[in-house]
Amino acid sequence: MEADELRITLPNGVTLHLSDAGDPSGFLLAEIPAGEGVFELRPGAANLMLINAARE
């Protein structure tokens, strides 16, 4: 499936928006609507990073 952006509503009700950052190196822009939550980033194995959006 190809997509330019993804909007994901997590089980805790926070909406995570992922889109192309417009950078040719392939960066991804991750946003949460203002006041809705904060990011929790945790390193995983090798190339893995866990991203959670938690309510403040």
Protein backbone atom coordinates (compact mmCIF):
# COMPACT_ATOMS: atom_id res chain seq x y z
CA MET A 1 0.00 0.00 0.00
CA GLU A 2 1.40 3.41 -0.94
CA ALA A 3 0.51 6.51 1.06
CA ASP A 4 1.76 10.09 1.38
CA GLU A 5 0.62 10.35 4.99
CA LEU A 6 -0.85 8.23 7.77
CA ARG A 7 -3.17 9.28 10.60
CA ILE A 8 -3.31 6.70 13.35
CA THR A 9 -5.63 6.83 16.34
CA LEU A 10 -3.96 4.90 19.15
CA PRO A 11 -5.93 2.85 21.70
CA ASN A 12 -5.50 5.70 24.23
CA GLY A 13 -7.36 8.07 21.84
CA VAL A 14 -4.31 10.14 20.80
CA THR A 15 -3.98 10.74 17.04
CA LEU A 16 -0.52 10.36 15.54
CA HIS A 17 0.08 11.94 12.11
CA LEU A 18 3.03 10.66 10.02
CA SER A 19 4.00 12.40 6.78
CA ASP A 20 6.88 13.08 4.42
CA ALA A 21 9.11 15.82 5.88
CA GLY A 22 9.97 17.03 2.37
CA ASP A 23 13.64 16.17 2.85
CA PRO A 24 15.29 14.17 0.03
CA SER A 25 17.14 12.03 2.59
CA GLY A 26 13.83 10.38 3.55
CA PHE A 27 13.00 11.88 6.95
CA LEU A 28 9.53 11.30 8.37
CA LEU A 29 7.55 13.98 10.21
CA ALA A 30 5.59 12.77 13.24
CA GLU A 31 3.01 15.12 14.78
CA ILE A 32 0.44 15.00 17.57
CA PRO A 33 -2.25 17.71 17.67
CA ALA A 34 -1.39 20.46 20.20
CA GLY A 35 -2.51 19.68 23.71
CA GLU A 36 -3.41 16.10 22.86
CA GLY A 37 -0.27 14.31 24.01
CA VAL A 38 3.50 13.92 24.10
CA PHE A 39 5.91 11.55 22.36
CA GLU A 40 7.65 8.72 24.19
CA LEU A 41 10.60 7.35 22.21
CA ARG A 42 12.40 4.16 23.22
CA PRO A 43 15.33 2.55 21.46
CA GLY A 44 14.82 -1.02 20.35
CA ALA A 45 17.04 -3.69 18.82
CA ALA A 46 19.21 -2.79 15.79
CA ASN A 47 17.25 -0.31 13.59
CA LEU A 48 14.10 -0.33 15.73
CA MET A 49 12.63 2.62 17.63
CA LEU A 50 9.38 2.39 19.58
CA ILE A 51 7.15 5.48 19.36
CA ASN A 52 4.22 6.07 21.67
CA ALA A 53 1.96 9.09 21.98
CA ALA A 54 0.82 9.46 25.59
CA ARG A 55 -1.69 11.84 27.11
CA GLU A 56 -0.13 14.61 29.17
